[in-house]
Amino acid sequence: QPMATSATAPPHLTSDRARCSALRRRAHRLISMEPPESGEAQGHSARLQRHKRINRQITRAADSGSFQRLLQLVKTNLSSMNSINLATALHRATKLAVSANEDRLDRLLEHPNFKALVGTIMERVEASAQAIARGQTPPFEVQCMSIVCWAHATLRVQDTKLMATICDIATPRLHELKPFELSNMAWAYAKLGMAKPEFFRSVSKRMMERREGEFSLQCLSMVSWAFATARHKDPKLLSSLAASIAGMAGTAKPQEIANTLWAYAKTRCQEPVMFKTLGDAALVDGLLWSFKPQELCNTVWAFASVSLQHPALFRLGVSVAISKRRELQPQNCANILWAYAKLQVCRQSGLFPALFALLRCTGTQGRPQHMSQELKALHWAAMHAGYLGAEAEGGGKSWAHELLLQDAQAYYDIVNGEDGGGLEQVEPIGFVNLFRGV
C-alpha cells in the first residue's frame, strides 16, 4: 500500500500576519514588563526605549524586503538586543529567506551576521538553562524559544544542542505558551524529528487540559500533524482533537483539511464524524477546486487509507483531478488512482484513462527514481480497477497495459543498470505488484 507524503513543511499554517501581530504584542508586553535592574528606574527606561527602537528598526527593514539592511541591523545592535529583539530578527530573517529563492536561503545560512545571531541566541538559551537550575528567572523567555524552534524547522537547520536545550526548558513550561506558540513548537520538533518522548507527553497533557474553544482549528491541525509525523501514538488525544475539529470544520481551509486527514490516516485513527465533516467542508462553495495537487492527493488518500467513503467528495475529486492533471506530479497521480481503486468508486468516470494517459506521455524519464512509491501504487490501482485486461478503443492494448509494459522495461533497466544499484533499489512489494500485473 502506498504512503502519501506529508504536506510540505507548513510554516504558513499559522498565517504570517497573525504571527507577526502576536509577536509585536508579546514584544511590547514582555519588554514593558522587564524589571528595573538594581533599582535603577532611569536605566531601565532607557533600555526599554532602546529595545523598542531596535524592534521597530527590525520590522521596518523586514517589511521593506531589504535582506542586507536587516542583517546589518543585527550586526550593529546584537550586543544590545534582548530576547524579544533576537527572536524578532530571527523570525523576520527566516521569513525573508524562505519567501525568496534558494540562493537567498543559502546566503542567509552562510552569512556571518546570521551566524552571530544564532550564536547569541544559543548563548542566551544556555544561560536560561543555568538560571533555571539556580532557581532564577531565565533571560530568554520560553515564548521566544517557540519562535526559535519554528525558524530552525522552517530553515531545516538541525542544531541538536540548541533544540535539545530548548526541549528540556520548555517541556515543563508549556502552560506558559499561547496556543499558536505551542502548536508551532510541536510542529517544529516533529518536522525536525528531534523531540524527546517526554515533550510530546507534556504536549498531550496540556492539550487534554485545554478549555473549549481555546485552540483554533489551525492549531489543532498542526498538533495532530505533529503527533502523526513524530509517530507518537496517543489515541485518546487524537480522539479528543477530532471531536473539537469536527465542531469547527466549517471554517477549515484546504491545507488544514488535507493535513488533518493525512495525520489521522497516517496513524490509522478512524474518526468517521471528523472525516465526514471535513469532507463536507471541502465541498462547500466548491472549495475542493482551490486544493493544491498535494492537498487533493492527501485528502483522497486519507479516506482510502482508513476505508471511509465520501461519494460526493470523490465525485467532485474526479473533475478536479482531471482539470488539474497537468499540475499533478507522478506520485500524486499514483496515489489518487490508488485511493479510487481502493474504495472502488467512480470507476467509469474517466479518471483512470486520463491519469494513465498523462503518465504514459510523461514516459520513463525521471520516473525510475520513484519506483518503490509510484509504480507500486499504479500497478495495484490498475489491477483493482480492472484496466489491465481492458482494450483501448479501436483495439490494441489499454493505457494501463502499455504503462505496465513500459514500467517492466524501467525495472529491467534498473536491475541491469551500470550504476551497480541493481535489485537493492527496488522494494520487494514493487516486484510483487509488477508480477501480479503481468
Foldseek 3Di string as FASTA:
>chain_A
DFAADADDQCLPLPPPVVVVVVLVVVQLVVLVPPDDPPPPPVVSVVLSVVQVVLLVQLVVCLVVLPLVSLLVSLVVCVVSYFQSSLLSSLLSNLVSQVVDDVVSLVCLVPPPSNVVSVVVVQVQLVQQLVQVVVVHHRRHDLLSVLSVLLSCLSSVNCPLVSLVSSLVVCLVPVVVYQLVSLLSNLLSCLSNLRHDLSSLVSVLVVLVVDDQPRHDLSSLLSNLLSCLSNVPDDLVSLVVSLVSCLVVLLPDALSSLLSNLLSCLSNLNDDPSSLQSNLVNCPVVVRVLVHQLSSLLSSLLSCLSNVHDDQVSVVVSLVSCLVCVVRHDLLSLLSNLLSCLSNVPCLVVCSVLSNLVVVVVVACVPPLLVQQNRLLSLLNSCVSSVQLPDADPPGDGGSSVVVLVRVVVSLVCQLPDPVPCHPVSYDPSSVVSSVVSD
